[in-house]
Amino acid sequence: MVEGYCVKCKAKQEMTAAKEVAMKGKGGVERRAMKGKCPKCGTTMFRIMGKK
């Protein structure tokens, strides 16, 4: 599982249904990120990952 920060709960949580996505970054560069749901409140969470 991947840990991310939930803005609504204001705490780090383990993401459920986490999957890797590509986000737009500065200068048209794609950035890797993990997208999932908070297990407590169901809010969408993101965690930006490093380069491959």
Protein backbone atom coordinates (compact mmCIF):
# COMPACT_ATOMS: atom_id res chain seq x y z
CA MET A 1 0.00 0.00 0.00
CA VAL A 2 1.00 3.60 -0.56
CA GLU A 3 0.83 6.25 2.12
CA GLY A 4 -0.43 9.73 1.23
CA TYR A 5 -1.68 12.87 2.96
CA CYS A 6 -5.45 13.36 3.26
CA VAL A 7 -6.29 17.08 3.20
CA LYS A 8 -9.73 16.52 4.74
CA CYS A 9 -8.54 14.34 7.66
CA LYS A 10 -5.27 16.34 7.97
CA ALA A 11 -3.28 13.15 8.51
CA LYS A 12 -1.24 10.56 6.61
CA GLN A 13 -3.34 7.56 5.58
CA GLU A 14 -2.82 4.36 3.59
CA MET A 15 -4.49 4.83 0.18
CA THR A 16 -7.06 2.32 -0.97
CA ALA A 17 -7.43 1.47 -4.68
CA ALA A 18 -4.12 3.21 -5.44
CA LYS A 19 -2.97 3.37 -9.06
CA GLU A 20 -0.16 5.16 -10.86
CA VAL A 21 -1.14 8.11 -13.05
CA ALA A 22 0.73 10.74 -15.10
CA MET A 23 0.24 14.39 -14.10
CA LYS A 24 1.19 17.48 -16.08
CA GLY A 25 4.19 19.26 -14.64
CA LYS A 26 6.02 22.50 -15.36
CA GLY A 27 7.39 22.88 -18.88
CA GLY A 28 5.12 20.15 -20.28
CA VAL A 29 6.97 17.42 -18.37
CA GLU A 30 4.89 14.50 -17.16
CA ARG A 31 5.21 13.62 -13.47
CA ARG A 32 4.42 10.26 -11.92
CA ALA A 33 1.89 10.20 -9.10
CA MET A 34 -0.20 7.73 -7.14
CA LYS A 35 -3.93 8.39 -6.94
CA GLY A 36 -6.23 6.67 -4.48
CA LYS A 37 -8.99 7.09 -1.90
CA CYS A 38 -8.83 7.84 1.83
CA PRO A 39 -10.12 4.83 3.82
CA LYS A 40 -11.77 7.06 6.46
CA CYS A 41 -13.57 9.78 4.46
CA GLY A 42 -13.36 8.64 0.81
CA THR A 43 -11.61 11.80 -0.42
CA THR A 44 -9.31 11.46 -3.46
CA MET A 45 -5.64 11.51 -2.42
CA PHE A 46 -2.47 12.09 -4.45
CA ARG A 47 1.18 11.34 -3.81
CA ILE A 48 3.76 12.68 -6.25
CA MET A 49 6.49 10.12 -6.95
CA GLY A 50 10.12 10.56 -8.00
CA LYS A 51 11.50 10.02 -11.48
CA LYS A 52 11.83 6.48 -12.79
